[in-house]
Amino acid sequence: MLELNDVLIEGESHTLSLMAYERQITCVVGSARWLYAMMGFEPVTAGFISIDGEPLTPKTAQALRRQMAFAPRRLDDVGELVRYEAPTADDVFALRANRQLSDETLEEEAKQTGSANAQQARLLAIAVLRQRPILLVEEPDAAMLPYLRKQAMSGRIVIVSSTDDAVINAADNVVDCNSFNL
């Protein structure tokens, strides 16, 4: 279980609480910054984030991130992360494992995502092939829903950020950050 308990991130005027469980899709409606906070890349000014009771702290961030795979909507020129942390030996070996995947395996997995956006399909396929128990997906399109449901049913915690009504309606749990009274 991934839990956010009254989490406030810099620049936001409201807190977020949620509990995301295995075999479910949880949708955060609003900013993808909340996904970055779950990975420890957005400064949390109040509340706490935990995975299976283990709190996310500067000391535990790398270990908890190893339980997560992140699929951004696209790669930007400036990158996705706001804070750089040097890779550990485990990170290097994980990246080596990605290189050992055949292009054929990756392309086949990308086709299964259902996305017409080739870059987004490839990024999601890479995240899934990392075989982490928590899958974070930024703005998936509705065509990806059967694939994301399959990932959830395989025992993963799937958390998406989205404003797409089809994605929101397909989620088991929805937290609408846009509906908070500011």
Protein backbone atom coordinates (compact mmCIF):
# COMPACT_ATOMS: atom_id res chain seq x y z
CA MET A 1 0.00 0.00 0.00
CA LEU A 2 1.18 3.50 -0.84
CA GLU A 3 -0.19 6.15 1.50
CA LEU A 4 -0.18 9.94 1.48
CA ASN A 5 -1.40 11.43 4.75
CA ASP A 6 -2.12 15.17 4.69
CA VAL A 7 0.81 15.74 2.33
CA LEU A 8 1.54 19.32 1.33
CA ILE A 9 4.06 20.01 -1.40
CA GLU A 10 5.76 23.33 -2.03
CA GLY A 11 3.63 25.70 -4.05
CA GLU A 12 0.32 23.92 -3.33
CA SER A 13 -2.34 25.41 -1.08
CA HIS A 14 -3.99 22.16 -0.02
CA THR A 15 -2.98 18.78 1.35
CA LEU A 16 -3.57 15.41 -0.26
CA SER A 17 -4.44 12.15 1.45
CA LEU A 18 -4.90 8.84 -0.33
CA MET A 19 -4.34 5.14 0.05
CA ALA A 20 -3.44 3.17 -3.09
CA TYR A 21 -3.73 -0.61 -2.99
CA GLU A 22 -2.54 -3.55 -5.05
CA ARG A 23 -4.85 -4.66 -7.84
CA GLN A 24 -6.39 -1.19 -8.11
CA ILE A 25 -5.97 1.88 -10.28
CA THR A 26 -5.86 5.12 -8.32
CA CYS A 27 -6.28 8.35 -10.28
CA VAL A 28 -5.02 11.72 -9.05
CA VAL A 29 -6.91 14.39 -10.98
CA GLY A 30 -4.74 17.46 -11.26
CA SER A 31 -1.02 18.08 -11.28
CA ALA A 32 1.46 15.28 -11.96
CA ARG A 33 3.60 16.92 -9.25
CA TRP A 34 1.91 14.59 -6.77
CA LEU A 35 3.48 11.61 -8.60
CA TYR A 36 6.89 13.28 -8.25
CA ALA A 37 6.22 13.76 -4.53
CA MET A 38 5.47 10.03 -4.20
CA MET A 39 8.94 9.37 -5.62
CA GLY A 40 10.58 11.91 -3.30
CA PHE A 41 11.38 14.44 -6.02
CA GLU A 42 9.00 17.20 -4.87
CA PRO A 43 9.65 18.79 -1.48
CA VAL A 44 7.01 17.74 1.05
CA THR A 45 6.43 20.48 3.60
CA ALA A 46 3.84 18.68 5.75
CA GLY A 47 2.35 15.23 6.21
CA PHE A 48 3.98 11.96 5.21
CA ILE A 49 4.24 9.44 2.40
CA SER A 50 4.80 5.76 3.12
CA ILE A 51 4.97 2.44 1.32
CA ASP A 52 3.83 -0.55 3.34
CA GLY A 53 4.34 1.52 6.50
CA GLU A 54 7.91 2.60 5.60
CA PRO A 55 8.02 6.42 5.57
CA LEU A 56 9.55 8.28 2.65
CA THR A 57 12.48 10.30 3.99
CA PRO A 58 15.71 11.53 2.43
CA LYS A 59 17.39 8.39 3.85
CA THR A 60 14.77 5.94 2.52
CA ALA A 61 13.95 7.64 -0.80
CA GLN A 62 16.30 5.61 -3.00
CA ALA A 63 15.23 2.30 -1.48
CA LEU A 64 11.55 3.14 -1.84
CA ARG A 65 12.06 4.35 -5.43
CA ARG A 66 13.37 0.88 -6.29
CA GLN A 67 9.82 -0.34 -5.72
CA MET A 68 8.47 2.11 -8.32
CA ALA A 69 8.46 2.41 -12.07
CA PHE A 70 7.52 5.76 -13.61
CA ALA A 71 6.11 6.32 -17.09
CA PRO A 72 6.13 10.01 -18.01
CA ARG A 73 3.81 11.20 -20.77
CA ARG A 74 6.82 12.26 -22.83
CA LEU A 75 10.47 13.09 -22.45
CA ASP A 76 11.15 16.80 -22.33
CA ASP A 77 14.40 18.45 -23.35
CA VAL A 78 14.94 19.50 -19.75
CA GLY A 79 14.07 16.09 -18.31
CA GLU A 80 11.48 15.05 -15.79
CA LEU A 81 13.32 15.23 -12.49
CA VAL A 82 13.77 18.42 -10.55
CA ARG A 83 16.52 17.04 -8.33
CA TYR A 84 19.53 15.00 -9.44
CA GLU A 85 20.77 12.12 -7.37
CA ALA A 86 23.75 10.04 -8.45
CA PRO A 87 22.81 6.46 -9.39
CA THR A 88 23.66 3.62 -7.05
CA ALA A 89 25.23 0.37 -8.17
CA ASP A 90 21.74 -1.18 -8.09
CA ASP A 91 20.46 1.55 -10.41
CA VAL A 92 23.27 0.87 -12.87
CA PHE A 93 22.50 -2.86 -12.91
CA ALA A 94 18.78 -2.12 -13.38
CA LEU A 95 19.61 0.05 -16.38
CA ARG A 96 21.85 -2.68 -17.76
CA ALA A 97 18.91 -5.08 -17.48
CA ASN A 98 16.89 -2.66 -19.63
CA ARG A 99 19.62 -2.71 -22.29
CA GLN A 100 19.54 -6.48 -22.32
CA LEU A 101 15.93 -6.43 -23.45
CA SER A 102 15.68 -7.07 -27.13
CA ASP A 103 14.16 -4.34 -29.25
CA GLU A 104 11.62 -6.94 -30.28
CA THR A 105 10.54 -7.53 -26.66
CA LEU A 106 10.22 -3.81 -26.02
CA GLU A 107 8.31 -3.16 -29.24
CA GLU A 108 5.91 -6.04 -28.54
CA GLU A 109 5.24 -4.71 -25.03
CA ALA A 110 4.75 -1.19 -26.42
CA LYS A 111 2.14 -2.49 -28.88
CA GLN A 112 0.23 -4.08 -26.00
CA THR A 113 -0.18 -0.71 -24.25
CA GLY A 114 -2.79 0.31 -26.83
CA SER A 115 -1.41 3.84 -27.14
CA ALA A 116 -1.18 5.46 -30.57
CA ASN A 117 1.54 7.74 -29.19
CA ALA A 118 4.72 5.75 -29.92
CA GLN A 119 6.88 7.57 -27.38
CA GLN A 120 4.32 7.25 -24.59
CA ALA A 121 3.78 3.55 -25.41
CA ARG A 122 7.52 2.89 -25.30
CA LEU A 123 7.96 4.76 -21.98
CA LEU A 124 5.11 2.79 -20.39
CA ALA A 125 6.47 -0.50 -21.76
CA ILE A 126 9.90 0.24 -20.27
CA ALA A 127 8.32 1.03 -16.89
CA VAL A 128 6.26 -2.18 -16.94
CA LEU A 129 9.21 -4.33 -17.99
CA ARG A 130 11.12 -3.10 -14.92
CA GLN A 131 8.67 -5.29 -12.96
CA ARG A 132 8.29 -3.01 -9.96
CA PRO A 133 5.30 -3.39 -7.60
CA ILE A 134 4.26 0.26 -7.97
CA LEU A 135 3.55 1.77 -11.39
CA LEU A 136 3.17 5.55 -11.68
CA VAL A 137 1.83 6.80 -15.02
CA GLU A 138 1.55 10.43 -16.09
CA GLU A 139 -1.49 11.30 -18.23
CA PRO A 140 -2.23 7.92 -19.87
CA ASP A 141 -4.67 8.02 -22.76
CA ALA A 142 -7.95 6.09 -22.63
CA ALA A 143 -6.62 3.46 -25.07
CA MET A 144 -4.16 2.36 -22.36
CA LEU A 145 -6.88 1.48 -19.83
CA PRO A 146 -7.09 -2.28 -20.59
CA TYR A 147 -3.30 -2.52 -20.33
CA LEU A 148 -3.23 -0.58 -17.05
CA ARG A 149 -6.06 -2.75 -15.67
CA LYS A 150 -4.02 -5.83 -16.61
CA GLN A 151 -1.04 -4.40 -14.70
CA ALA A 152 -3.21 -3.75 -11.65
CA MET A 153 -4.75 -7.24 -11.79
CA SER A 154 -1.24 -8.74 -11.88
CA GLY A 155 -0.80 -7.39 -8.32
CA ARG A 156 0.67 -3.96 -8.93
CA ILE A 157 -0.34 -0.68 -7.36
CA VAL A 158 -1.16 1.54 -10.35
CA ILE A 159 -1.37 5.29 -9.79
CA VAL A 160 -2.10 7.66 -12.66
CA SER A 161 -2.39 11.41 -12.96
CA SER A 162 -5.10 12.35 -15.44
CA THR A 163 -7.77 14.82 -16.45
CA ASP A 164 -9.29 12.45 -19.06
CA ASP A 165 -12.87 11.53 -18.11
CA ALA A 166 -12.49 7.98 -19.45
CA VAL A 167 -9.39 7.36 -17.30
CA ILE A 168 -11.02 8.95 -14.25
CA ASN A 169 -14.17 6.85 -14.66
CA ALA A 170 -12.17 3.63 -15.06
CA ALA A 171 -10.16 4.17 -11.86
CA ASP A 172 -11.05 2.27 -8.69
CA ASN A 173 -10.17 5.30 -6.55
CA VAL A 174 -10.18 8.95 -7.57
CA VAL A 175 -8.72 11.94 -5.72
CA ASP A 176 -9.70 15.17 -7.45
CA CYS A 177 -7.15 17.85 -6.53
CA ASN A 178 -9.08 20.37 -8.63
CA SER A 179 -12.16 20.14 -6.40
CA PHE A 180 -10.44 21.32 -3.22
CA ASN A 181 -11.63 24.62 -1.83
CA LEU A 182 -8.76 27.04 -2.14
